[in-house]
N, C-alpha and C. Protein backbone atom coordinates (compact mmCIF):
# COMPACT_ATOMS: atom_id res chain seq x y z
N MET A 1 114.27 92.73 100.52
CA MET A 1 113.13 93.47 101.01
C MET A 1 112.72 94.06 99.88
N SER A 2 111.01 94.09 99.18
CA SER A 2 110.81 94.94 97.75
C SER A 2 110.71 96.31 98.73
N ARG A 3 110.39 97.08 97.61
CA ARG A 3 110.42 98.76 97.88
C ARG A 3 108.81 99.13 97.27
N VAL A 4 107.54 98.23 97.83
CA VAL A 4 106.52 98.25 97.34
C VAL A 4 105.53 98.51 98.24
N CYS A 5 104.28 99.53 98.26
CA CYS A 5 103.68 99.61 98.93
C CYS A 5 102.52 98.70 99.22
N GLU A 6 102.40 98.07 100.03
CA GLU A 6 101.40 96.88 99.91
C GLU A 6 99.90 97.27 99.65
N VAL A 7 99.62 98.78 100.13
CA VAL A 7 98.55 99.13 99.80
C VAL A 7 97.97 99.40 98.85
N CYS A 8 98.63 100.39 98.00
CA CYS A 8 98.39 101.03 96.64
C CYS A 8 99.16 100.54 95.71
N GLY A 9 100.40 99.88 96.13
CA GLY A 9 101.06 99.18 94.81
C GLY A 9 102.18 99.74 94.23
N ARG A 10 102.15 101.14 94.95
CA ARG A 10 103.41 101.82 94.18
C ARG A 10 105.14 101.88 94.13
N THR A 11 105.56 101.66 93.77
CA THR A 11 107.03 101.43 93.33
C THR A 11 108.22 102.65 93.28
N LYS A 12 109.30 102.23 92.78
CA LYS A 12 110.07 103.49 92.80
C LYS A 12 110.07 104.03 91.38
N SER A 13 110.16 105.49 91.09
CA SER A 13 110.07 105.92 90.00
C SER A 13 111.29 106.61 89.65
N ALA A 14 111.38 106.87 88.03
CA ALA A 14 112.70 107.18 87.54
C ALA A 14 112.84 108.51 87.34
N GLY A 15 113.94 109.45 87.04
CA GLY A 15 114.02 110.85 87.14
C GLY A 15 115.38 111.26 86.50
N LYS A 16 115.46 112.57 86.40
CA LYS A 16 116.94 112.88 86.41
C LYS A 16 117.42 113.76 87.69
N GLN A 17 118.96 113.49 87.75
CA GLN A 17 119.37 114.51 88.68
C GLN A 17 120.50 115.27 88.03
N VAL A 18 119.76 116.74 87.93
CA VAL A 18 120.41 117.86 87.49
C VAL A 18 121.66 118.49 88.29
N SER A 19 122.60 118.51 87.58
CA SER A 19 123.95 118.98 88.51
C SER A 19 123.55 120.71 88.39
N PHE A 20 124.64 121.28 88.92
CA PHE A 20 124.59 122.69 89.13
C PHE A 20 125.23 123.42 87.63
N SER A 21 126.31 122.26 86.66
CA SER A 21 126.10 122.69 85.27
C SER A 21 125.34 122.32 84.27
N ASN A 22 124.10 121.91 85.01
CA ASN A 22 122.72 121.53 84.40
C ASN A 22 123.16 120.09 83.37
N ARG A 23 123.84 119.33 83.50
CA ARG A 23 124.11 118.07 83.40
C ARG A 23 123.28 116.85 83.87
N LYS A 24 122.65 116.29 82.95
CA LYS A 24 121.33 115.02 83.69
C LYS A 24 122.14 114.01 83.49
N SER A 25 121.75 113.25 84.77
CA SER A 25 121.97 111.80 84.91
C SER A 25 120.89 111.34 85.56
N ASN A 26 120.54 110.08 84.86
CA ASN A 26 119.40 109.05 85.35
C ASN A 26 119.26 108.74 87.04
N ARG A 27 118.56 108.93 87.64
CA ARG A 27 118.18 108.32 89.36
C ARG A 27 116.96 108.14 89.45
N THR A 28 116.94 107.39 90.43
CA THR A 28 115.51 106.92 90.77
C THR A 28 115.08 107.40 92.06
N TYR A 29 113.66 107.47 92.34
CA TYR A 29 113.47 108.06 93.71
C TYR A 29 112.79 106.79 94.47
N GLU A 30 112.84 106.70 95.43
CA GLU A 30 112.48 105.61 96.11
C GLU A 30 111.25 106.18 97.32
N LEU A 31 110.27 105.28 97.38
CA LEU A 31 109.19 105.42 98.38
C LEU A 31 109.50 105.53 99.61
N ASN A 32 109.13 106.27 100.44
CA ASN A 32 109.10 106.17 101.66
C ASN A 32 108.27 105.42 102.82
N LEU A 33 108.78 104.06 102.35
CA LEU A 33 107.42 103.39 103.09
C LEU A 33 107.95 102.95 104.53
N GLN A 34 106.88 102.53 105.42
CA GLN A 34 106.95 102.41 106.89
C GLN A 34 106.20 101.17 106.82
N LYS A 35 106.47 100.26 108.53
CA LYS A 35 105.93 99.32 108.87
C LYS A 35 104.81 99.99 109.50
N THR A 36 103.70 99.56 109.33
CA THR A 36 102.32 99.67 110.06
C THR A 36 101.48 98.68 110.24
N THR A 37 100.64 99.27 111.49
CA THR A 37 100.09 97.85 111.35
C THR A 37 98.04 98.58 110.66
N ILE A 38 97.65 97.63 109.85
CA ILE A 38 96.27 97.94 109.80
C ILE A 38 95.30 96.75 109.94
N THR A 39 93.82 97.06 110.69
CA THR A 39 92.77 96.38 110.28
C THR A 39 92.42 95.36 109.32
N VAL A 40 92.37 94.39 108.86
CA VAL A 40 91.65 93.51 107.71
C VAL A 40 90.88 92.71 107.70
N ASP A 41 89.41 93.04 108.05
CA ASP A 41 88.42 91.84 108.51
C ASP A 41 88.51 91.86 109.81
N GLY A 42 88.77 92.54 110.53
CA GLY A 42 88.39 92.87 112.09
C GLY A 42 89.84 91.84 112.77
N LYS A 43 90.81 91.89 111.83
CA LYS A 43 92.16 91.19 112.28
C LYS A 43 93.60 92.26 112.17
N GLU A 44 94.16 92.27 112.89
CA GLU A 44 95.65 93.13 112.66
C GLU A 44 96.33 92.45 111.90
N LYS A 45 97.04 93.49 111.11
CA LYS A 45 98.29 92.95 110.19
C LYS A 45 99.27 94.04 109.84
N LYS A 46 100.37 93.30 109.78
CA LYS A 46 101.65 94.43 109.78
C LYS A 46 101.83 94.33 108.35
N VAL A 47 102.05 95.62 107.84
CA VAL A 47 102.08 95.89 106.38
C VAL A 47 103.38 96.95 105.86
N LYS A 48 104.06 97.12 104.82
CA LYS A 48 104.74 98.20 104.76
C LYS A 48 103.51 99.15 103.73
N ALA A 49 103.43 100.41 104.05
CA ALA A 49 102.89 101.38 103.64
C ALA A 49 103.31 102.33 103.32
N CYS A 50 103.26 103.14 102.13
CA CYS A 50 103.82 104.33 102.03
C CYS A 50 103.35 105.52 102.43
N THR A 51 104.05 106.68 103.14
CA THR A 51 103.39 107.30 103.77
C THR A 51 101.98 108.58 103.30
N ARG A 52 102.01 108.29 102.07
CA ARG A 52 100.66 109.01 100.91
C ARG A 52 99.80 108.30 101.56
N CYS A 53 99.96 106.79 101.93
CA CYS A 53 98.69 106.20 102.21
C CYS A 53 98.13 106.55 103.76
N ILE A 54 99.04 106.55 104.49
CA ILE A 54 98.97 106.73 106.04
C ILE A 54 98.52 107.89 105.65
N LYS A 55 98.95 108.65 105.63
CA LYS A 55 98.48 110.19 105.47
C LYS A 55 97.02 110.28 104.88
N LYS A 56 96.67 109.67 104.19
CA LYS A 56 95.13 109.69 103.53
C LYS A 56 94.29 109.07 104.17
N ALA A 57 94.98 108.24 105.20
CA ALA A 57 94.38 107.15 106.10
C ALA A 57 93.40 106.00 105.09
N LYS A 58 94.19 105.47 104.40
CA LYS A 58 93.53 104.14 103.37
C LYS A 58 94.08 103.21 103.86
N ALA A 59 95.07 103.28 104.80
CA ALA A 59 95.59 102.06 105.46
C ALA A 59 95.30 102.20 106.88
N GLU A 60 94.42 102.58 107.34
CA GLU A 60 93.35 102.50 108.50
C GLU A 60 91.67 102.01 108.66
């Protein structure tokens, strides 16, 4: 199952995890994807959309 938003195309991003002793290690930030139904050309379609798109109502 791919972790890609079907509305905006966002994927996971990379960053650093910082410990208490300030050591840095690589990590990835996953998207908060939700299965939702949107209307495309008058038809209902189930898609995986990130919560940013759902909040913006881009997916509706």
